[in-house]
C-alpha cells in the first residue's frame, strides 16, 4: 500500500526538501502540494489523502486553523520552524511535530509512526541509504532565532511548565517545547529520560548513586519507572 501525501507549506524550499525525502521512501507518494492552506482546504473537501505534511505559519489561514476547519482531518505531521506551537498542535492529535531544518532520520521516525498504522509489514528502516551523514545536532527557536545545539555539548533537559530548559556546556536555553518532543528528537542511544522532568546525556554522567545522577556537579532525580533502563545503559 502506498500512502497518498499532501504537502502544505508557503516556502517552496520546504517542498523541495520533503519531496526529496518522500522519494526515498517507497511507501509514500505526493499526490498534491500547495503553498496555500486555503487551497489545501479546498483540495481536502474533494479528495482523500492518508498523510499531510503541514506548516503552521502561513498567510490567510494558519496550519492550526486549517486543522480546526476540517471535520475529519487525515493524519498530520507538522513541519515548522517555530517550536512554540508544539503544545497547541498536539491538541489536534497530530502524529508528530518536526522542527525545520528537518534531519532525514527524524523525518523517517515520524513516517514510521504512520506506516505502522497502515502497513502489515515492518515499517521502513531508519537506515535507508542517504547521502547525508547522521546529524550531530538539532535546532531550537529562542528569542526569534534558530539556535544550533550540538548533541556533544548537551548536558540535560528539564521541563518547566510549557517550556523546556536545555542545559549545555556553553549555557542554558529556554524554549517552548514538550518533553515528549525532546525525547523523540534526541537519539535514544545517547540520551535517556530518567524522570518525567529530566532527560540526560548518558556520556555526561559523572556518578549514578541511589536515586540520583550527577552531571556537571548537578544532582538530578531518577524516577522509579526509568531506573532499570538507565542502569542497563550505564552498564550497572
Protein backbone atom coordinates (compact mmCIF):
# COMPACT_ATOMS: atom_id res chain seq x y z
CA UNK A 1 0.00 0.00 0.00
CA UNK A 2 1.28 3.44 -0.95
CA UNK A 3 0.21 6.33 1.27
CA UNK A 4 -1.04 9.44 -0.52
CA UNK A 5 0.64 12.58 0.82
CA UNK A 6 -0.35 16.24 0.71
CA UNK A 7 2.31 18.94 1.24
CA UNK A 8 1.18 22.31 2.60
CA UNK A 9 3.88 24.95 3.09
CA UNK A 10 4.24 28.52 1.89
CA UNK A 11 8.01 28.07 1.42
CA UNK A 12 8.90 26.45 -1.95
CA UNK A 13 12.22 25.27 -0.49
CA UNK A 14 10.36 23.19 2.08
CA UNK A 15 8.54 21.39 -0.76
CA UNK A 16 11.87 20.52 -2.38
CA UNK A 17 13.23 19.01 0.84
CA UNK A 18 10.10 17.00 1.65
CA UNK A 19 9.67 15.69 -1.89
CA UNK A 20 13.30 14.56 -1.88
CA UNK A 21 12.77 12.73 1.43
CA UNK A 22 9.48 11.18 0.30
CA UNK A 23 11.09 9.86 -2.89
CA UNK A 24 13.44 7.82 -0.69
CA UNK A 25 10.51 6.01 0.96
CA UNK A 26 8.76 3.55 -1.39
CA UNK A 27 5.53 3.57 0.61
CA UNK A 28 4.90 7.31 0.19
CA UNK A 29 3.69 9.33 -2.79
CA UNK A 30 2.99 13.05 -3.14
CA UNK A 31 -0.42 13.46 -4.78
CA UNK A 32 -0.75 17.22 -4.29
CA UNK A 33 1.33 20.10 -2.97
CA UNK A 34 0.42 23.71 -2.38
CA UNK A 35 1.80 26.88 -0.80
CA UNK A 36 -1.71 27.91 0.29
CA UNK A 37 -3.60 26.46 3.24
CA UNK A 38 -6.83 27.73 1.67
CA UNK A 39 -6.10 25.67 -1.46
CA UNK A 40 -5.31 22.71 0.78
CA UNK A 41 -8.69 23.08 2.47
CA UNK A 42 -10.47 23.09 -0.92
CA UNK A 43 -8.50 20.06 -2.07
CA UNK A 44 -9.36 18.09 1.06
CA UNK A 45 -13.07 18.81 0.59
CA UNK A 46 -12.98 16.85 -2.67
CA UNK A 47 -10.11 14.40 -2.24
CA UNK A 48 -8.84 12.00 0.40
CA UNK A 49 -5.22 11.63 1.43
CA UNK A 50 -3.50 9.47 4.01
CA UNK A 51 -0.95 11.92 5.36
CA UNK A 52 -0.48 15.71 5.39
CA UNK A 53 2.84 17.45 5.96
CA UNK A 54 1.66 20.81 7.27
CA UNK A 55 3.41 24.09 8.04
CA UNK A 56 1.85 26.34 10.70
CA UNK A 57 2.70 29.97 9.95
CA UNK A 58 1.06 30.71 6.59
CA UNK A 59 -0.91 33.67 5.24
CA UNK A 60 -4.73 33.76 5.21
CA UNK A 61 -5.13 30.55 7.21
CA UNK A 62 -2.57 29.06 9.59
CA UNK A 63 -1.92 25.34 9.73
CA UNK A 64 -3.70 25.03 13.07
CA UNK A 65 -6.67 27.00 11.76
CA UNK A 66 -6.82 24.63 8.79
CA UNK A 67 -6.96 21.63 11.12
CA UNK A 68 -9.67 23.30 13.16
CA UNK A 69 -11.72 23.89 9.99
CA UNK A 70 -11.54 20.26 8.84
CA UNK A 71 -14.23 17.92 10.16
CA UNK A 72 -12.22 14.74 9.69
CA UNK A 73 -8.58 15.66 9.10
CA UNK A 74 -6.23 12.92 7.91
CA UNK A 75 -3.06 12.03 9.77
CA UNK A 76 -0.84 15.10 10.06
CA UNK A 77 2.86 15.70 10.62
CA UNK A 78 3.64 19.32 11.45
CA UNK A 79 6.72 20.81 9.75
CA UNK A 80 7.56 24.16 11.30
CA UNK A 81 10.49 26.42 12.09
CA UNK A 82 8.73 27.51 15.28
CA UNK A 83 8.72 25.29 18.35
CA UNK A 84 6.31 27.48 20.30
CA UNK A 85 3.27 25.94 18.56
CA UNK A 86 4.15 22.36 19.57
CA UNK A 87 1.87 22.13 22.60
CA UNK A 88 -1.14 23.60 20.76
CA UNK A 89 -0.63 21.29 17.78
CA UNK A 90 -0.95 18.13 19.88
CA UNK A 91 -4.50 19.23 20.77
CA UNK A 92 -5.30 18.23 17.17
CA UNK A 93 -3.80 14.73 17.62
CA UNK A 94 -1.01 15.32 15.12
CA UNK A 95 1.32 12.38 14.56
CA UNK A 96 4.47 14.40 15.16
CA UNK A 97 5.99 17.88 15.22
CA UNK A 98 9.14 18.33 13.12
CA UNK A 99 11.32 21.40 13.53
CA UNK A 100 12.99 22.80 10.43
CA UNK A 101 15.59 22.16 9.21
CA UNK A 102 14.39 18.57 9.37
CA UNK A 103 17.04 15.81 9.54
CA UNK A 104 16.27 12.80 7.35
CA UNK A 105 16.44 10.31 10.23
CA UNK A 106 13.94 12.43 12.21
CA UNK A 107 11.65 12.51 9.16
CA UNK A 108 11.82 8.71 8.93
CA UNK A 109 10.96 8.32 12.60
CA UNK A 110 7.75 10.29 12.07
CA UNK A 111 6.85 8.46 8.88
CA UNK A 112 7.33 5.11 10.60
CA UNK A 113 4.66 6.06 13.13
CA UNK A 114 2.18 6.43 10.28
CA UNK A 115 3.32 3.35 8.36
CA UNK A 116 2.88 1.20 11.43
CA UNK A 117 -0.80 2.15 11.43
CA UNK A 118 -1.33 1.25 7.77
CA UNK A 119 1.08 -1.50 6.79
CA UNK A 120 1.04 -5.14 7.92
CA UNK A 121 4.72 -5.47 7.05
CA UNK A 122 7.51 -3.86 9.12
CA UNK A 123 7.91 -0.10 8.58
CA UNK A 124 10.69 1.36 6.51
CA UNK A 125 14.03 1.04 8.30
CA UNK A 126 15.65 4.19 9.61
CA UNK A 127 18.94 3.28 7.96
CA UNK A 128 17.60 3.90 4.44
CA UNK A 129 20.52 4.95 2.30
CA UNK A 130 21.12 8.69 2.26
CA UNK A 131 23.97 10.87 1.14
CA UNK A 132 23.75 12.94 4.32
CA UNK A 133 25.61 11.75 7.43
CA UNK A 134 23.68 11.18 10.64
CA UNK A 135 23.09 14.56 12.29
CA UNK A 136 25.07 15.52 15.37
CA UNK A 137 22.93 18.50 16.32
CA UNK A 138 19.45 20.00 16.26
CA UNK A 139 17.96 23.49 16.24
CA UNK A 140 15.69 25.27 18.72
CA UNK A 141 13.81 28.54 18.40
CA UNK A 142 14.82 31.04 21.09
CA UNK A 143 14.28 34.79 21.08
CA UNK A 144 13.17 34.63 17.45
CA UNK A 145 16.37 32.89 16.32
CA UNK A 146 17.13 29.32 15.26
CA UNK A 147 19.94 28.22 17.55
CA UNK A 148 22.05 25.12 16.96
CA UNK A 149 22.67 22.73 19.82
CA UNK A 150 25.28 20.01 19.37
CA UNK A 151 24.47 16.67 20.96
CA UNK A 152 28.02 16.51 22.32
CA UNK A 153 27.52 19.75 24.28
CA UNK A 154 24.07 18.96 25.71
CA UNK A 155 24.13 18.05 29.41
CA UNK A 156 20.45 17.56 30.25
CA UNK A 157 16.92 18.82 29.57
CA UNK A 158 14.47 19.88 32.26
CA UNK A 159 10.74 20.54 31.84
CA UNK A 160 9.45 23.91 33.01
CA UNK A 161 5.69 24.35 32.53
CA UNK A 162 5.02 24.79 28.82
CA UNK A 163 8.74 25.18 28.21
CA UNK A 164 11.90 23.11 28.48
CA UNK A 165 15.25 24.27 29.78
CA UNK A 166 18.18 22.88 27.82
CA UNK A 167 21.47 22.88 29.72
CA UNK A 168 24.68 22.69 27.68
CA UNK A 169 28.38 23.10 28.36
CA UNK A 170 28.02 26.59 26.90
CA UNK A 171 24.95 27.80 28.80
CA UNK A 172 21.19 27.39 29.17
CA UNK A 173 18.34 27.75 26.65
CA UNK A 174 14.64 28.21 27.45
CA UNK A 175 12.35 27.15 24.59
CA UNK A 176 8.66 26.43 24.10
CA UNK A 177 8.60 22.68 23.63
CA UNK A 178 7.49 19.45 25.29
CA UNK A 179 9.48 16.69 26.95
CA UNK A 180 7.74 14.18 24.69
CA UNK A 181 9.00 16.00 21.61
CA UNK A 182 12.51 16.35 23.06
CA UNK A 183 12.60 12.62 23.85
CA UNK A 184 11.62 11.84 20.26
CA UNK A 185 14.17 14.31 18.86
CA UNK A 186 17.23 13.21 20.82
CA UNK A 187 18.97 9.94 19.75
CA UNK A 188 17.97 7.18 22.15
CA UNK A 189 21.46 5.65 22.13
CA UNK A 190 22.93 8.90 23.51
CA UNK A 191 20.13 10.27 25.68
CA UNK A 192 17.87 8.76 28.31
CA UNK A 193 14.80 10.00 30.13
CA UNK A 194 15.41 9.46 33.85
CA UNK A 195 12.37 11.25 35.26
CA UNK A 196 9.16 12.81 33.97
CA UNK A 197 11.01 16.13 34.17
CA UNK A 198 14.52 15.19 33.04
CA UNK A 199 16.36 13.81 30.00
CA UNK A 200 20.12 13.37 30.29
CA UNK A 201 23.13 12.89 28.03
CA UNK A 202 24.45 9.47 29.08
CA UNK A 203 28.03 10.42 28.20
CA UNK A 204 27.91 13.33 30.66
CA UNK A 205 27.02 11.27 33.75
CA UNK A 206 29.69 11.63 36.45
CA UNK A 207 28.02 9.42 39.05
CA UNK A 208 24.86 7.33 39.43
CA UNK A 209 24.06 6.59 43.04
CA UNK A 210 20.84 5.69 44.79
CA UNK A 211 18.05 7.70 43.27
CA UNK A 212 20.26 10.41 41.80
CA UNK A 213 22.68 11.00 38.94
CA UNK A 214 25.32 13.70 38.93
CA UNK A 215 26.08 15.72 35.80
CA UNK A 216 28.39 18.70 35.86
CA UNK A 217 28.12 18.83 39.70
CA UNK A 218 24.31 18.94 39.44
CA UNK A 219 22.33 16.14 41.12
CA UNK A 220 19.23 15.02 39.18
CA UNK A 221 16.49 12.65 40.39
CA UNK A 222 15.91 9.19 38.90
CA UNK A 223 12.25 8.16 38.66
CA UNK A 224 11.45 4.58 39.63
CA UNK A 225 9.95 3.89 36.19
CA UNK A 226 13.23 4.80 34.47
CA UNK A 227 15.79 3.44 36.92
CA UNK A 228 16.29 -0.08 35.49
CA UNK A 229 16.70 1.09 31.89
CA UNK A 230 19.14 3.80 32.97
CA UNK A 231 21.29 1.34 34.93
CA UNK A 232 21.36 -1.06 31.96
CA UNK A 233 22.52 1.70 29.61
CA UNK A 234 25.17 2.79 32.08
CA UNK A 235 26.34 -0.82 32.37
CA UNK A 236 25.49 -1.14 36.05
